[in-house]
C-alpha atoms as a PDB file:
ATOM      1  CA  MET A   1      42.483 -26.878 -32.201  1.00  0.00           C
ATOM      2  CA  GLY A   2      42.472 -26.599 -35.989  1.00  0.00           C
ATOM      3  CA  ARG A   3      39.198 -26.727 -37.892  1.00  0.00           C
ATOM      4  CA  ALA A   4      36.613 -27.814 -35.398  1.00  0.00           C
ATOM      5  CA  SER A   5      33.093 -27.611 -36.703  1.00  0.00           C
ATOM      6  CA  ASN A   6      31.861 -30.225 -34.256  1.00  0.00           C
ATOM      7  CA  PRO A   7      31.729 -29.075 -30.614  1.00  0.00           C
ATOM      8  CA  GLU A   8      32.272 -32.648 -29.473  1.00  0.00           C
ATOM      9  CA  ARG A   9      35.794 -32.484 -30.919  1.00  0.00           C
ATOM     10  CA  ALA A  10      36.581 -29.608 -28.583  1.00  0.00           C
ATOM     11  CA  PHE A  11      36.404 -31.979 -25.644  1.00  0.00           C
ATOM     12  CA  LEU A  12      39.300 -33.994 -27.046  1.00  0.00           C
ATOM     13  CA  ARG A  13      41.638 -31.241 -25.867  1.00  0.00           C
ATOM     14  CA  GLN A  14      43.236 -31.708 -22.449  1.00  0.00           C
ATOM     15  CA  ALA A  15      41.921 -28.415 -21.046  1.00  0.00           C
ATOM     16  CA  MET A  16      38.344 -29.311 -21.922  1.00  0.00           C
ATOM     17  CA  ARG A  17      38.602 -32.844 -20.501  1.00  0.00           C
ATOM     18  CA  SER A  18      39.165 -31.464 -17.016  1.00  0.00           C
ATOM     19  CA  LEU A  19      36.161 -32.096 -14.777  1.00  0.00           C
ATOM     20  CA  LYS A  20      36.980 -28.910 -12.861  1.00  0.00           C
ATOM     21  CA  ILE A  21      36.872 -26.811 -16.024  1.00  0.00           C
ATOM     22  CA  ARG A  22      33.601 -28.400 -17.151  1.00  0.00           C
ATOM     23  CA  LYS A  23      31.988 -27.718 -13.762  1.00  0.00           C
ATOM     24  CA  SER A  24      33.283 -24.159 -13.807  1.00  0.00           C
ATOM     25  CA  LEU A  25      31.964 -23.753 -17.363  1.00  0.00           C
ATOM     26  CA  GLN A  26      28.580 -24.990 -16.181  1.00  0.00           C
ATOM     27  CA  ARG A  27      28.542 -22.406 -13.368  1.00  0.00           C
ATOM     28  CA  TRP A  28      29.565 -19.675 -15.836  1.00  0.00           C
ATOM     29  CA  LEU A  29      26.836 -20.688 -18.299  1.00  0.00           C
ATOM     30  CA  MET A  30      24.217 -20.532 -15.535  1.00  0.00           C
ATOM     31  CA  LEU A  31      25.091 -16.840 -15.067  1.00  0.00           C
ATOM     32  CA  GLN A  32      24.524 -15.946 -18.730  1.00  0.00           C
ATOM     33  CA  ASP A  33      21.334 -14.357 -20.003  1.00  0.00           C
ATOM     34  CA  ASP A  34      19.037 -16.076 -22.505  1.00  0.00           C
ATOM     35  CA  GLN A  35      20.418 -14.127 -25.478  1.00  0.00           C
ATOM     36  CA  ALA A  36      23.986 -15.140 -24.653  1.00  0.00           C
ATOM     37  CA  LEU A  37      22.952 -18.775 -24.235  1.00  0.00           C
ATOM     38  CA  GLU A  38      21.146 -18.720 -27.570  1.00  0.00           C
ATOM     39  CA  TRP A  39      24.242 -17.229 -29.207  1.00  0.00           C
ATOM     40  CA  LEU A  40      26.495 -19.828 -27.543  1.00  0.00           C
ATOM     41  CA  SER A  41      24.274 -22.673 -28.721  1.00  0.00           C
ATOM     42  CA  LYS A  42      25.432 -22.104 -32.307  1.00  0.00           C
ATOM     43  CA  THR A  43      28.283 -24.447 -33.198  1.00  0.00           C
ATOM     44  CA  SER A  44      30.746 -21.824 -34.429  1.00  0.00           C
ATOM     45  CA  ASN A  45      30.193 -19.654 -31.364  1.00  0.00           C
ATOM     46  CA  TYR A  46      30.560 -22.563 -28.964  1.00  0.00           C
ATOM     47  CA  VAL A  47      33.782 -23.575 -30.699  1.00  0.00           C
ATOM     48  CA  ALA A  48      35.071 -20.009 -30.182  1.00  0.00           C
ATOM     49  CA  LEU A  49      34.345 -20.449 -26.489  1.00  0.00           C
ATOM     50  CA  CYS A  50      36.270 -23.741 -26.398  1.00  0.00           C
ATOM     51  CA  LYS A  51      39.169 -22.206 -28.296  1.00  0.00           C
ATOM     52  CA  ALA A  52      39.408 -19.425 -25.705  1.00  0.00           C
ATOM     53  CA  ILE A  53      39.588 -22.024 -22.934  1.00  0.00           C
ATOM     54  CA  VAL A  54      42.224 -24.084 -24.753  1.00  0.00           C
ATOM     55  CA  LYS A  55      44.249 -20.937 -25.460  1.00  0.00           C
ATOM     56  CA  ARG A  56      44.242 -20.097 -21.740  1.00  0.00           C
ATOM     57  CA  TRP A  57      45.095 -23.666 -20.643  1.00  0.00           C
ATOM     58  CA  PRO A  58      47.150 -25.125 -23.514  1.00  0.00           C
ATOM     59  CA  ASP A  59      48.255 -28.776 -23.611  1.00  0.00           C
ATOM     60  CA  ARG A  60      51.925 -27.820 -23.843  1.00  0.00           C
ATOM     61  CA  GLY A  61      54.204 -24.825 -24.173  1.00  0.00           C
ATOM     62  CA  PRO A  62      53.938 -21.487 -22.352  1.00  0.00           C
ATOM     63  CA  GLY A  63      51.067 -21.442 -19.877  1.00  0.00           C
ATOM     64  CA  SER A  64      50.658 -25.205 -19.750  1.00  0.00           C
ATOM     65  CA  ALA A  65      52.171 -25.717 -16.279  1.00  0.00           C
ATOM     66  CA  LYS A  66      49.232 -24.158 -14.417  1.00  0.00           C
ATOM     67  CA  ARG A  67      46.366 -26.607 -15.014  1.00  0.00           C
ATOM     68  CA  PRO A  68      42.739 -25.924 -14.000  1.00  0.00           C
ATOM     69  CA  GLU A  69      43.161 -28.571 -11.283  1.00  0.00           C
ATOM     70  CA  HIS A  70      45.659 -26.271  -9.553  1.00  0.00           C
ATOM     71  CA  TYR A  71      42.976 -23.631  -8.878  1.00  0.00           C
ATOM     72  CA  ARG A  72      40.415 -23.476  -6.108  1.00  0.00           C
ATOM     73  CA  ASP A  73      36.861 -23.462  -7.490  1.00  0.00           C
ATOM     74  CA  GLU A  74      36.267 -19.754  -6.791  1.00  0.00           C
ATOM     75  CA  ARG A  75      39.541 -18.711  -8.400  1.00  0.00           C
ATOM     76  CA  LEU A  76      38.931 -20.959 -11.403  1.00  0.00           C
ATOM     77  CA  ASP A  77      35.449 -19.456 -11.853  1.00  0.00           C
ATOM     78  CA  MET A  78      36.972 -15.960 -11.813  1.00  0.00           C
ATOM     79  CA  GLU A  79      39.685 -16.931 -14.302  1.00  0.00           C
ATOM     80  CA  LEU A  80      37.215 -18.655 -16.606  1.00  0.00           C
ATOM     81  CA  ALA A  81      34.949 -15.590 -16.552  1.00  0.00           C
ATOM     82  CA  ARG A  82      37.981 -13.401 -17.350  1.00  0.00           C
ATOM     83  CA  VAL A  83      38.668 -15.587 -20.398  1.00  0.00           C
ATOM     84  CA  LEU A  84      35.087 -16.120 -21.612  1.00  0.00           C
ATOM     85  CA  ASP A  85      33.358 -12.806 -20.893  1.00  0.00           C
ATOM     86  CA  PRO A  86      35.185 -11.089 -23.798  1.00  0.00           C
ATOM     87  CA  VAL A  87      33.939 -13.834 -26.150  1.00  0.00           C
ATOM     88  CA  VAL A  88      30.345 -13.066 -25.208  1.00  0.00           C
ATOM     89  CA  ARG A  89      30.955  -9.288 -25.239  1.00  0.00           C
ATOM     90  CA  HIS A  90      32.279  -9.681 -28.795  1.00  0.00           C
ATOM     91  CA  ARG A  91      28.782 -10.912 -29.686  1.00  0.00           C
ATOM     92  CA  ASN A  92      27.375  -7.587 -28.536  1.00  0.00           C
ATOM     93  CA  ARG A  93      29.818  -5.636 -30.714  1.00  0.00           C
ATOM     94  CA  THR A  94      29.301  -7.701 -33.848  1.00  0.00           C
ATOM     95  CA  GLY A  95      25.540  -8.028 -33.519  1.00  0.00           C
ATOM     96  CA  ASP A  96      25.530 -11.802 -34.106  1.00  0.00           C
END
């Protein structure tokens, strides 16, 4: 993703353009507590979240064949939580 200080740029990536991934992200965000949401509202933290998603579903190369559209909603929600929960847990360890 390179230097992305603007969260809007994150949506230029193929993985983030997927409607399924955005709906799954919305469901995941609804499960987060207020402190996590406040932390995620900061640009650099939100970009870290987007980078984790893009790393899991890259545009090309290893791992790019299985797109979010290939998952059922429940399975995609589980996979997204597996990818994003460590990002939020990192917040707890660093005290941000």
